[in-house]
Amino acid sequence: MPFRQQVVAFAISAGLLLLIVELIRRRKLREEYSVLWFLTGLGILVLVAWYDLLVWMTSFIGAVLPTSTLFFFALVFLFLVCLQYSVRISSLDNNVKELAQQFALSHVKAPAERETLSGTSREDD
């Protein structure tokens, strides 16, 4: 990799790592989501510093160009992000369903409890 490209890639990956740390510090990015992002930034930094590793990975997976390997890993990364969000959405969906059921049950029980406390029923009206 030419020196200029290496410097630019290093600056971008270091900036990405600093941005992730800053977002965590400001509580804009939760820690549970930051692991994947932080590992990605660290992986980019390692590949920039150790370009021969990228070349070796390219030959290992059978790709022709190192850019193909980068696109492959980008697709894997996006797949993992989608999977993580799908799991989180499924969990939140279950929570909303349980809360809606509890809310409905509490509204069904509440009028009956009010009637027993007041000593009257709807039949008396």
N, C-alpha and C. Protein backbone atom coordinates (compact mmCIF):
# COMPACT_ATOMS: atom_id res chain seq x y z
N MET A 1 0.85 -1.17 0.00
CA MET A 1 0.00 0.00 0.00
C MET A 1 0.90 1.23 0.00
N PRO A 2 0.62 2.16 -0.87
CA PRO A 2 1.41 3.40 -0.90
C PRO A 2 1.31 4.14 0.44
N PHE A 3 2.36 4.88 0.75
CA PHE A 3 2.46 5.55 2.05
C PHE A 3 1.31 6.53 2.28
N ARG A 4 0.94 7.31 1.26
CA ARG A 4 -0.16 8.27 1.40
C ARG A 4 -1.47 7.58 1.75
N GLN A 5 -1.76 6.48 1.07
CA GLN A 5 -2.98 5.74 1.37
C GLN A 5 -2.96 5.19 2.79
N GLN A 6 -1.79 4.74 3.20
CA GLN A 6 -1.65 4.19 4.54
C GLN A 6 -1.89 5.28 5.60
N VAL A 7 -1.38 6.45 5.37
CA VAL A 7 -1.57 7.56 6.31
C VAL A 7 -3.04 7.95 6.39
N VAL A 8 -3.69 8.07 5.24
CA VAL A 8 -5.11 8.43 5.21
C VAL A 8 -5.95 7.36 5.88
N ALA A 9 -5.70 6.10 5.58
CA ALA A 9 -6.46 5.01 6.19
C ALA A 9 -6.23 4.96 7.70
N PHE A 10 -5.00 5.20 8.12
CA PHE A 10 -4.70 5.21 9.55
C PHE A 10 -5.43 6.36 10.25
N ALA A 11 -5.44 7.53 9.63
CA ALA A 11 -6.13 8.69 10.21
C ALA A 11 -7.63 8.44 10.32
N ILE A 12 -8.21 7.83 9.30
CA ILE A 12 -9.64 7.53 9.32
C ILE A 12 -9.97 6.50 10.40
N SER A 13 -9.19 5.44 10.49
CA SER A 13 -9.48 4.41 11.49
C SER A 13 -9.24 4.93 12.91
N ALA A 14 -8.21 5.74 13.11
CA ALA A 14 -7.98 6.34 14.44
C ALA A 14 -9.10 7.30 14.79
N GLY A 15 -9.56 8.07 13.81
CA GLY A 15 -10.69 8.97 14.03
C GLY A 15 -11.96 8.21 14.37
N LEU A 16 -12.17 7.08 13.71
CA LEU A 16 -13.33 6.25 14.00
C LEU A 16 -13.28 5.73 15.44
N LEU A 17 -12.12 5.27 15.86
CA LEU A 17 -11.98 4.79 17.24
C LEU A 17 -12.22 5.91 18.24
N LEU A 18 -11.68 7.09 17.98
CA LEU A 18 -11.91 8.23 18.87
C LEU A 18 -13.38 8.63 18.91
N LEU A 19 -14.04 8.58 17.76
CA LEU A 19 -15.47 8.90 17.71
C LEU A 19 -16.28 7.90 18.53
N ILE A 20 -15.96 6.63 18.43
CA ILE A 20 -16.67 5.60 19.19
C ILE A 20 -16.49 5.83 20.69
N VAL A 21 -15.24 6.08 21.10
CA VAL A 21 -14.98 6.33 22.52
C VAL A 21 -15.72 7.58 23.00
N GLU A 22 -15.74 8.61 22.19
CA GLU A 22 -16.43 9.85 22.57
C GLU A 22 -17.94 9.64 22.66
N LEU A 23 -18.52 8.88 21.73
CA LEU A 23 -19.96 8.60 21.78
C LEU A 23 -20.31 7.79 23.02
N ILE A 24 -19.44 6.88 23.41
CA ILE A 24 -19.68 6.11 24.63
C ILE A 24 -19.57 7.02 25.85
N ARG A 25 -18.57 7.87 25.86
CA ARG A 25 -18.35 8.77 26.99
C ARG A 25 -19.53 9.73 27.17
N ARG A 26 -20.09 10.21 26.08
CA ARG A 26 -21.24 11.12 26.15
C ARG A 26 -22.57 10.39 26.32
N ARG A 27 -22.51 9.07 26.40
CA ARG A 27 -23.69 8.21 26.54
C ARG A 27 -24.65 8.33 25.35
N LYS A 28 -24.08 8.56 24.18
CA LYS A 28 -24.86 8.57 22.95
C LYS A 28 -24.90 7.18 22.33
N LEU A 29 -23.91 6.37 22.67
CA LEU A 29 -23.81 4.99 22.17
C LEU A 29 -23.70 4.09 23.38
N ARG A 30 -24.63 3.14 23.49
CA ARG A 30 -24.61 2.24 24.64
C ARG A 30 -23.46 1.26 24.52
N GLU A 31 -22.99 0.81 25.67
CA GLU A 31 -21.83 -0.07 25.71
C GLU A 31 -22.09 -1.38 24.98
N GLU A 32 -23.31 -1.88 25.05
CA GLU A 32 -23.61 -3.16 24.41
C GLU A 32 -23.49 -3.10 22.89
N TYR A 33 -23.74 -1.93 22.31
CA TYR A 33 -23.61 -1.78 20.87
C TYR A 33 -22.19 -1.37 20.47
N SER A 34 -21.47 -0.80 21.39
CA SER A 34 -20.16 -0.26 21.07
C SER A 34 -19.10 -1.33 20.83
N VAL A 35 -19.31 -2.52 21.36
CA VAL A 35 -18.30 -3.58 21.22
C VAL A 35 -18.05 -3.89 19.75
N LEU A 36 -19.12 -4.09 19.00
CA LEU A 36 -18.98 -4.42 17.59
C LEU A 36 -18.32 -3.28 16.82
N TRP A 37 -18.72 -2.05 17.11
CA TRP A 37 -18.14 -0.90 16.43
C TRP A 37 -16.68 -0.72 16.79
N PHE A 38 -16.38 -0.90 18.08
CA PHE A 38 -15.00 -0.73 18.52
C PHE A 38 -14.09 -1.80 17.90
N LEU A 39 -14.56 -3.04 17.85
CA LEU A 39 -13.77 -4.11 17.23
C LEU A 39 -13.57 -3.86 15.74
N THR A 40 -14.56 -3.29 15.10
CA THR A 40 -14.42 -2.97 13.68
C THR A 40 -13.37 -1.89 13.46
N GLY A 41 -13.42 -0.83 14.25
CA GLY A 41 -12.41 0.21 14.14
C GLY A 41 -11.01 -0.31 14.43
N LEU A 42 -10.92 -1.18 15.43
CA LEU A 42 -9.63 -1.78 15.77
C LEU A 42 -9.14 -2.69 14.64
N GLY A 43 -10.07 -3.44 14.04
CA GLY A 43 -9.70 -4.30 12.92
C GLY A 43 -9.18 -3.51 11.73
N ILE A 44 -9.82 -2.38 11.44
CA ILE A 44 -9.36 -1.52 10.35
C ILE A 44 -7.97 -0.99 10.66
N LEU A 45 -7.76 -0.58 11.90
CA LEU A 45 -6.46 -0.07 12.30
C LEU A 45 -5.37 -1.13 12.16
N VAL A 46 -5.67 -2.36 12.53
CA VAL A 46 -4.71 -3.46 12.40
C VAL A 46 -4.40 -3.72 10.92
N LEU A 47 -5.43 -3.73 10.08
CA LEU A 47 -5.21 -3.99 8.65
C LEU A 47 -4.41 -2.86 8.00
N VAL A 48 -4.60 -1.63 8.47
CA VAL A 48 -3.81 -0.52 7.92
C VAL A 48 -2.34 -0.67 8.33
N ALA A 49 -2.13 -1.00 9.59
CA ALA A 49 -0.75 -1.12 10.08
C ALA A 49 -0.06 -2.37 9.54
N TRP A 50 -0.84 -3.40 9.27
CA TRP A 50 -0.26 -4.68 8.86
C TRP A 50 -0.91 -5.10 7.54
N TYR A 51 -0.55 -4.42 6.48
CA TYR A 51 -1.16 -4.63 5.16
C TYR A 51 -0.92 -6.05 4.64
N ASP A 52 0.22 -6.65 5.02
CA ASP A 52 0.50 -8.03 4.58
C ASP A 52 -0.55 -9.00 5.12
N LEU A 53 -1.15 -8.70 6.27
CA LEU A 53 -2.22 -9.54 6.81
C LEU A 53 -3.43 -9.51 5.87
N LEU A 54 -3.76 -8.32 5.36
CA LEU A 54 -4.86 -8.21 4.41
C LEU A 54 -4.56 -8.99 3.14
N VAL A 55 -3.35 -8.92 2.66
CA VAL A 55 -2.95 -9.67 1.46
C VAL A 55 -3.05 -11.17 1.73
N TRP A 56 -2.60 -11.61 2.90
CA TRP A 56 -2.69 -13.02 3.26
C TRP A 56 -4.15 -13.46 3.35
N MET A 57 -5.01 -12.64 3.98
CA MET A 57 -6.43 -12.97 4.11
C MET A 57 -7.08 -13.04 2.73
N THR A 58 -6.65 -12.17 1.83
CA THR A 58 -7.19 -12.18 0.47
C THR A 58 -6.87 -13.50 -0.22
N SER A 59 -5.65 -13.95 -0.10
CA SER A 59 -5.29 -15.24 -0.73
C SER A 59 -5.94 -16.40 0.01
N PHE A 60 -6.14 -16.28 1.31
CA PHE A 60 -6.74 -17.36 2.09
C PHE A 60 -8.20 -17.60 1.71
N ILE A 61 -8.96 -16.51 1.52
CA ILE A 61 -10.36 -16.69 1.16
C ILE A 61 -10.57 -16.85 -0.34
N GLY A 62 -9.51 -16.69 -1.11
CA GLY A 62 -9.59 -16.92 -2.55
C GLY A 62 -10.01 -15.71 -3.35
N ALA A 63 -9.94 -14.54 -2.76
CA ALA A 63 -10.29 -13.32 -3.48
C ALA A 63 -9.11 -12.90 -4.36
N VAL A 64 -9.41 -12.06 -5.33
CA VAL A 64 -8.37 -11.61 -6.25
C VAL A 64 -7.68 -10.36 -5.74
N LEU A 65 -8.46 -9.41 -5.24
CA LEU A 65 -7.92 -8.13 -4.81
C LEU A 65 -8.18 -7.91 -3.32
N PRO A 66 -7.31 -7.19 -2.64
CA PRO A 66 -7.56 -6.86 -1.24
C PRO A 66 -8.85 -6.06 -1.03
N THR A 67 -9.23 -5.26 -2.01
CA THR A 67 -10.49 -4.52 -1.87
C THR A 67 -11.69 -5.46 -1.83
N SER A 68 -11.61 -6.57 -2.55
CA SER A 68 -12.69 -7.56 -2.48
C SER A 68 -12.80 -8.15 -1.08
N THR A 69 -11.67 -8.36 -0.45
CA THR A 69 -11.67 -8.86 0.92
C THR A 69 -12.29 -7.84 1.87
N LEU A 70 -11.96 -6.57 1.68
CA LEU A 70 -12.55 -5.53 2.51
C LEU A 70 -14.06 -5.46 2.33
N PHE A 71 -14.54 -5.56 1.10
CA PHE A 71 -15.98 -5.55 0.86
C PHE A 71 -16.65 -6.79 1.46
N PHE A 72 -15.98 -7.91 1.40
CA PHE A 72 -16.51 -9.13 2.02
C PHE A 72 -16.68 -8.94 3.53
N PHE A 73 -15.64 -8.41 4.17
CA PHE A 73 -15.73 -8.18 5.61
C PHE A 73 -16.74 -7.10 5.95
N ALA A 74 -16.91 -6.13 5.08
CA ALA A 74 -17.94 -5.11 5.30
C ALA A 74 -19.33 -5.73 5.25
N LEU A 75 -19.54 -6.66 4.33
CA LEU A 75 -20.83 -7.35 4.27
C LEU A 75 -21.06 -8.21 5.51
N VAL A 76 -20.02 -8.87 5.98
CA VAL A 76 -20.14 -9.67 7.21
C VAL A 76 -20.48 -8.76 8.39
N PHE A 77 -19.82 -7.61 8.44
CA PHE A 77 -20.10 -6.64 9.51
C PHE A 77 -21.55 -6.19 9.47
N LEU A 78 -22.03 -5.83 8.29
CA LEU A 78 -23.43 -5.39 8.17
C LEU A 78 -24.40 -6.50 8.54
N PHE A 79 -24.07 -7.72 8.20
CA PHE A 79 -24.89 -8.86 8.59
C PHE A 79 -24.94 -8.97 10.12
N LEU A 80 -23.81 -8.82 10.78
CA LEU A 80 -23.79 -8.91 12.24
C LEU A 80 -24.57 -7.78 12.90
N VAL A 81 -24.48 -6.58 12.33
CA VAL A 81 -25.25 -5.46 12.86
C VAL A 81 -26.75 -5.73 12.70
N CYS A 82 -27.16 -6.21 11.53
CA CYS A 82 -28.57 -6.53 11.31
C CYS A 82 -29.04 -7.63 12.25
N LEU A 83 -28.22 -8.63 12.46
CA LEU A 83 -28.57 -9.71 13.38
C LEU A 83 -28.72 -9.19 14.80
N GLN A 84 -27.81 -8.34 15.24
CA GLN A 84 -27.88 -7.77 16.58
C GLN A 84 -29.16 -6.95 16.76
N TYR A 85 -29.49 -6.13 15.77
CA TYR A 85 -30.71 -5.33 15.86
C TYR A 85 -31.96 -6.20 15.79
N SER A 86 -31.94 -7.27 15.04
CA SER A 86 -33.08 -8.17 14.97
C SER A 86 -33.33 -8.83 16.32
N VAL A 87 -32.28 -9.25 16.98
CA VAL A 87 -32.42 -9.84 18.31
C VAL A 87 -32.98 -8.81 19.28
N ARG A 88 -32.48 -7.60 19.22
CA ARG A 88 -32.94 -6.54 20.13
C ARG A 88 -34.41 -6.19 19.85
N ILE A 89 -34.78 -6.10 18.59
CA ILE A 89 -36.17 -5.79 18.23
C ILE A 89 -37.10 -6.90 18.69
N SER A 90 -36.68 -8.15 18.54
CA SER A 90 -37.50 -9.27 18.99
C SER A 90 -37.73 -9.20 20.50
N SER A 91 -36.70 -8.89 21.23
CA SER A 91 -36.81 -8.77 22.69
C SER A 91 -37.76 -7.62 23.06
N LEU A 92 -37.61 -6.48 22.40
CA LEU A 92 -38.49 -5.35 22.68
C LEU A 92 -39.93 -5.64 22.29
N ASP A 93 -40.13 -6.38 21.21
CA ASP A 93 -41.47 -6.76 20.79
C ASP A 93 -42.15 -7.63 21.85
N ASN A 94 -41.40 -8.57 22.41
CA ASN A 94 -41.94 -9.41 23.48
C ASN A 94 -42.28 -8.58 24.71
N ASN A 95 -41.43 -7.61 25.04
CA ASN A 95 -41.70 -6.75 26.19
C ASN A 95 -42.97 -5.92 25.98
N VAL A 96 -43.14 -5.37 24.79
CA VAL A 96 -44.33 -4.57 24.49
C VAL A 96 -45.59 -5.44 24.59
N LYS A 97 -45.52 -6.67 24.08
CA LYS A 97 -46.67 -7.57 24.15
C LYS A 97 -47.05 -7.87 25.60
N GLU A 98 -46.05 -8.16 26.43
CA GLU A 98 -46.32 -8.44 27.84
C GLU A 98 -46.90 -7.23 28.55
N LEU A 99 -46.36 -6.05 28.28
CA LEU A 99 -46.88 -4.83 28.90
C LEU A 99 -48.31 -4.54 28.47
N ALA A 100 -48.61 -4.76 27.20
CA ALA A 100 -49.98 -4.54 26.70
C ALA A 100 -50.95 -5.51 27.37
N GLN A 101 -50.54 -6.76 27.55
CA GLN A 101 -51.40 -7.73 28.22
C GLN A 101 -51.62 -7.36 29.69
N GLN A 102 -50.56 -6.95 30.37
CA GLN A 102 -50.70 -6.53 31.77
C GLN A 102 -51.58 -5.30 31.89
N PHE A 103 -51.44 -4.37 30.98
CA PHE A 103 -52.26 -3.16 30.98
C PHE A 103 -53.73 -3.50 30.77
N ALA A 104 -54.01 -4.39 29.83
CA ALA A 104 -55.39 -4.79 29.56
C ALA A 104 -55.99 -5.50 30.78
N LEU A 105 -55.23 -6.38 31.39
CA LEU A 105 -55.73 -7.08 32.58
C LEU A 105 -55.98 -6.12 33.74
N SER A 106 -55.12 -5.14 33.90
CA SER A 106 -55.32 -4.19 35.00
C SER A 106 -56.55 -3.33 34.76
N HIS A 107 -56.89 -3.03 33.52
CA HIS A 107 -58.09 -2.25 33.24
C HIS A 107 -59.35 -3.09 33.37
N VAL A 108 -59.25 -4.38 33.18
CA VAL A 108 -60.41 -5.25 33.37
C VAL A 108 -60.68 -5.43 34.86
N LYS A 109 -59.62 -5.58 35.65
CA LYS A 109 -59.76 -5.80 37.09
C LYS A 109 -60.14 -4.52 37.84
N ALA A 110 -59.71 -3.39 37.38
CA ALA A 110 -59.92 -2.14 38.10
C ALA A 110 -61.39 -1.80 38.32
N PRO A 111 -62.30 -1.87 37.33
CA PRO A 111 -63.71 -1.56 37.60
C PRO A 111 -64.34 -2.54 38.59
N ALA A 112 -63.99 -3.80 38.49
CA ALA A 112 -64.55 -4.79 39.41
C ALA A 112 -64.09 -4.52 40.83
N GLU A 113 -62.87 -4.12 41.02
CA GLU A 113 -62.36 -3.80 42.35
C GLU A 113 -63.03 -2.55 42.91
N ARG A 114 -63.30 -1.56 42.06
CA ARG A 114 -63.96 -0.35 42.51
C ARG A 114 -65.38 -0.65 42.98
N GLU A 115 -66.06 -1.56 42.27
CA GLU A 115 -67.42 -1.91 42.64
C GLU A 115 -67.47 -2.63 43.98
N THR A 116 -66.52 -3.53 44.22
CA THR A 116 -66.53 -4.24 45.49
C THR A 116 -66.16 -3.32 46.65
N LEU A 117 -65.33 -2.31 46.41
CA LEU A 117 -64.98 -1.38 47.47
C LEU A 117 -66.14 -0.46 47.82
N SER A 118 -66.93 -0.06 46.84
CA SER A 118 -68.03 0.85 47.08
C SER A 118 -69.28 0.11 47.57
N GLY A 119 -69.31 -1.19 47.42
CA GLY A 119 -70.44 -1.98 47.88
C GLY A 119 -71.61 -1.98 46.94
N THR A 120 -71.46 -1.44 45.78
CA THR A 120 -72.54 -1.43 44.80
C THR A 120 -72.11 -2.23 43.60
N SER A 121 -73.08 -2.62 42.85
CA SER A 121 -72.78 -3.30 41.61
C SER A 121 -73.55 -2.62 40.50
N ARG A 122 -73.32 -3.00 39.30
CA ARG A 122 -74.00 -2.40 38.16
C ARG A 122 -75.48 -2.80 38.14
N GLU A 123 -75.79 -3.90 38.77
CA GLU A 123 -77.19 -4.35 38.76
C GLU A 123 -78.06 -3.43 39.60
N ASP A 124 -77.47 -2.74 40.60
CA ASP A 124 -78.23 -1.82 41.46
C ASP A 124 -78.60 -0.56 40.73
N ASP A 125 -77.87 -0.20 39.68
CA ASP A 125 -78.13 1.06 38.95
C ASP A 125 -79.31 0.97 38.10
